[in-house]
Amino acid sequence: MTSSLECTLDWLQLKLPNLPALASGFSLGTLGVASLGLIIGALAPASLVLWLPLVLLLCGASAGYKFWEKRQAGSQRPFVIALCLGAGLLTGASASVLQLIVDAQLFQATTSLTIVGLFLVCGLIGAGLGGLLRDRYEKIHHSSPSQ
């Protein structure tokens, strides 16, 4: 059983070398959204929809930064950018699910598609900013003289 699991993981690593980076970025962003969203939801559930875009920008940037940090160096840049934005999109989807649950359970209301779209866009923007920050850091780090 263990050897077949190891073989499967090795095969996934060969076919999808950036999958661990995507999982790392997605999990970091989603856990951030869950923790901050639950704190805001517990303190002021009616204002969750106001605070969640800011939380998403922060957690999306964290997800994008972590993905960009853990990615394979030899991968094609457009594919890596798409996966980085995918990490932000998944983070935005987790915030949308949180908002849907809060609206349904506490307010017996439905969440509009505009709000869900706003959350997805905020996750994408945050991941893009996080990837850009990590890219700038790498350029600064590699261009500085060695000490």
Protein backbone atom coordinates (compact mmCIF):
# COMPACT_ATOMS: atom_id res chain seq x y z
CA MET A 1 0.00 0.00 0.00
CA THR A 2 2.75 2.43 0.94
CA SER A 3 4.76 1.72 -2.21
CA SER A 4 1.73 2.35 -4.45
CA LEU A 5 1.09 5.64 -2.65
CA GLU A 6 4.73 6.64 -3.09
CA CYS A 7 4.58 5.70 -6.78
CA THR A 8 1.43 7.76 -7.23
CA LEU A 9 2.98 10.77 -5.50
CA ASP A 10 6.16 10.46 -7.58
CA TRP A 11 4.11 10.25 -10.76
CA LEU A 12 2.12 13.37 -9.74
CA GLN A 13 5.36 15.20 -8.97
CA LEU A 14 6.66 14.40 -12.46
CA LYS A 15 3.46 15.28 -14.30
CA LEU A 16 2.43 18.28 -12.19
CA PRO A 17 5.56 19.75 -10.56
CA ASN A 18 3.74 22.86 -9.32
CA LEU A 19 0.90 20.97 -7.62
CA PRO A 20 2.49 21.14 -4.13
CA ALA A 21 3.02 24.88 -4.58
CA LEU A 22 -0.62 25.31 -5.62
CA ALA A 23 -1.79 23.27 -2.64
CA SER A 24 0.44 25.29 -0.31
CA GLY A 25 -0.81 28.64 -1.61
CA PHE A 26 -4.44 27.54 -1.63
CA SER A 27 -4.30 26.13 1.89
CA LEU A 28 -2.57 29.24 3.26
CA GLY A 29 -5.10 31.55 1.64
CA THR A 30 -8.10 29.46 2.61
CA LEU A 31 -7.01 29.07 6.23
CA GLY A 32 -6.43 32.81 6.42
CA VAL A 33 -9.88 33.55 5.02
CA ALA A 34 -11.46 31.01 7.36
CA SER A 35 -9.77 32.33 10.48
CA LEU A 36 -10.25 36.04 9.79
CA GLY A 37 -13.73 35.46 8.39
CA LEU A 38 -14.79 33.52 11.46
CA ILE A 39 -13.48 36.24 13.76
CA ILE A 40 -15.34 38.94 11.82
CA GLY A 41 -18.40 36.71 11.53
CA ALA A 42 -18.44 36.12 15.27
CA LEU A 43 -18.01 39.79 16.17
CA ALA A 44 -20.18 41.41 13.51
CA PRO A 45 -21.81 39.00 11.05
CA ALA A 46 -23.77 41.76 9.31
CA SER A 47 -20.54 43.53 8.29
CA LEU A 48 -18.83 40.39 6.98
CA VAL A 49 -19.62 41.33 3.41
CA LEU A 50 -17.86 44.69 3.94
CA TRP A 51 -14.70 43.28 5.49
CA LEU A 52 -14.31 40.13 3.42
CA PRO A 53 -12.91 41.87 0.29
CA LEU A 54 -10.10 43.37 2.37
CA VAL A 55 -9.46 40.02 4.01
CA LEU A 56 -9.41 38.46 0.55
CA LEU A 57 -6.84 40.92 -0.74
CA LEU A 58 -4.60 40.10 2.20
CA CYS A 59 -5.10 36.33 2.09
CA GLY A 60 -5.00 36.24 -1.71
CA ALA A 61 -1.68 38.08 -1.63
CA SER A 62 -0.44 35.57 0.92
CA ALA A 63 -1.56 32.68 -1.30
CA GLY A 64 0.06 34.18 -4.39
CA TYR A 65 3.28 34.93 -2.55
CA LYS A 66 3.47 31.40 -1.11
CA PHE A 67 2.74 29.82 -4.50
CA TRP A 68 5.37 31.96 -6.22
CA GLU A 69 7.86 31.06 -3.49
CA LYS A 70 7.30 27.29 -3.75
CA ARG A 71 6.97 26.97 -7.54
CA GLN A 72 9.42 25.04 -9.70
CA ALA A 73 12.00 27.39 -11.19
CA GLY A 74 12.09 25.85 -14.67
CA SER A 75 8.35 26.10 -15.37
CA GLN A 76 6.89 28.19 -18.16
CA ARG A 77 5.98 31.68 -16.94
CA PRO A 78 2.40 31.93 -18.36
CA PHE A 79 1.50 28.57 -16.82
CA VAL A 80 2.96 29.61 -13.46
CA ILE A 81 1.05 32.92 -13.54
CA ALA A 82 -2.17 31.05 -14.32
CA LEU A 83 -1.61 28.70 -11.38
CA CYS A 84 -0.81 31.63 -9.09
CA LEU A 85 -4.08 33.29 -10.07
CA GLY A 86 -5.76 29.91 -9.60
CA ALA A 87 -4.62 29.90 -5.98
CA GLY A 88 -6.25 33.31 -5.56
CA LEU A 89 -9.40 32.16 -7.34
CA LEU A 90 -9.71 29.18 -4.99
CA THR A 91 -9.20 31.51 -2.03
CA GLY A 92 -11.95 33.76 -3.35
CA ALA A 93 -14.21 30.74 -3.78
CA SER A 94 -13.67 29.77 -0.14
CA ALA A 95 -14.67 33.28 0.95
CA SER A 96 -17.77 33.04 -1.23
CA VAL A 97 -18.72 29.78 0.44
CA LEU A 98 -18.22 31.39 3.86
CA GLN A 99 -20.48 34.29 2.89
CA LEU A 100 -23.10 31.92 1.46
CA ILE A 101 -23.14 29.95 4.72
CA VAL A 102 -23.41 33.07 6.90
CA ASP A 103 -26.20 34.52 4.78
CA ALA A 104 -28.15 31.27 4.70
CA GLN A 105 -27.75 30.32 8.36
CA LEU A 106 -27.94 33.68 10.12
CA PHE A 107 -30.00 35.89 7.83
CA GLN A 108 -32.03 33.37 5.78
CA ALA A 109 -31.00 35.28 2.67
CA THR A 110 -29.24 34.47 -0.55
CA THR A 111 -25.95 36.00 -1.56
CA SER A 112 -26.03 37.92 -4.82
CA LEU A 113 -23.83 36.87 -7.70
CA THR A 114 -22.28 40.35 -7.71
CA ILE A 115 -20.85 39.78 -4.25
CA VAL A 116 -19.57 36.33 -5.21
CA GLY A 117 -17.95 37.86 -8.30
CA LEU A 118 -16.42 40.62 -6.18
CA PHE A 119 -14.90 38.02 -3.87
CA LEU A 120 -13.45 36.06 -6.79
CA VAL A 121 -11.97 39.22 -8.31
CA CYS A 122 -10.48 40.29 -4.96
CA GLY A 123 -8.87 36.85 -4.61
CA LEU A 124 -7.40 37.13 -8.12
CA ILE A 125 -6.09 40.65 -7.52
CA GLY A 126 -4.59 39.62 -4.18
CA ALA A 127 -2.86 36.59 -5.69
CA GLY A 128 -1.53 38.70 -8.54
CA LEU A 129 -0.14 41.24 -6.10
CA GLY A 130 1.40 38.50 -3.96
CA GLY A 131 3.07 36.90 -6.97
CA LEU A 132 4.31 40.30 -8.13
CA LEU A 133 5.75 41.04 -4.69
CA ARG A 134 7.59 37.72 -4.61
CA ASP A 135 8.88 38.27 -8.16
CA ARG A 136 10.19 41.72 -7.22
CA TYR A 137 11.80 40.29 -4.09
CA GLU A 138 13.58 37.61 -6.14
CA LYS A 139 14.87 40.21 -8.61
CA ILE A 140 16.14 42.44 -5.80
CA HIS A 141 17.63 39.49 -3.94
CA HIS A 142 19.46 38.16 -7.01
CA SER A 143 20.69 41.56 -8.18
CA SER A 144 22.15 42.63 -4.81
CA PRO A 145 25.90 42.08 -4.40
CA SER A 146 26.89 39.04 -2.38
CA GLN A 147 28.37 39.76 0.98
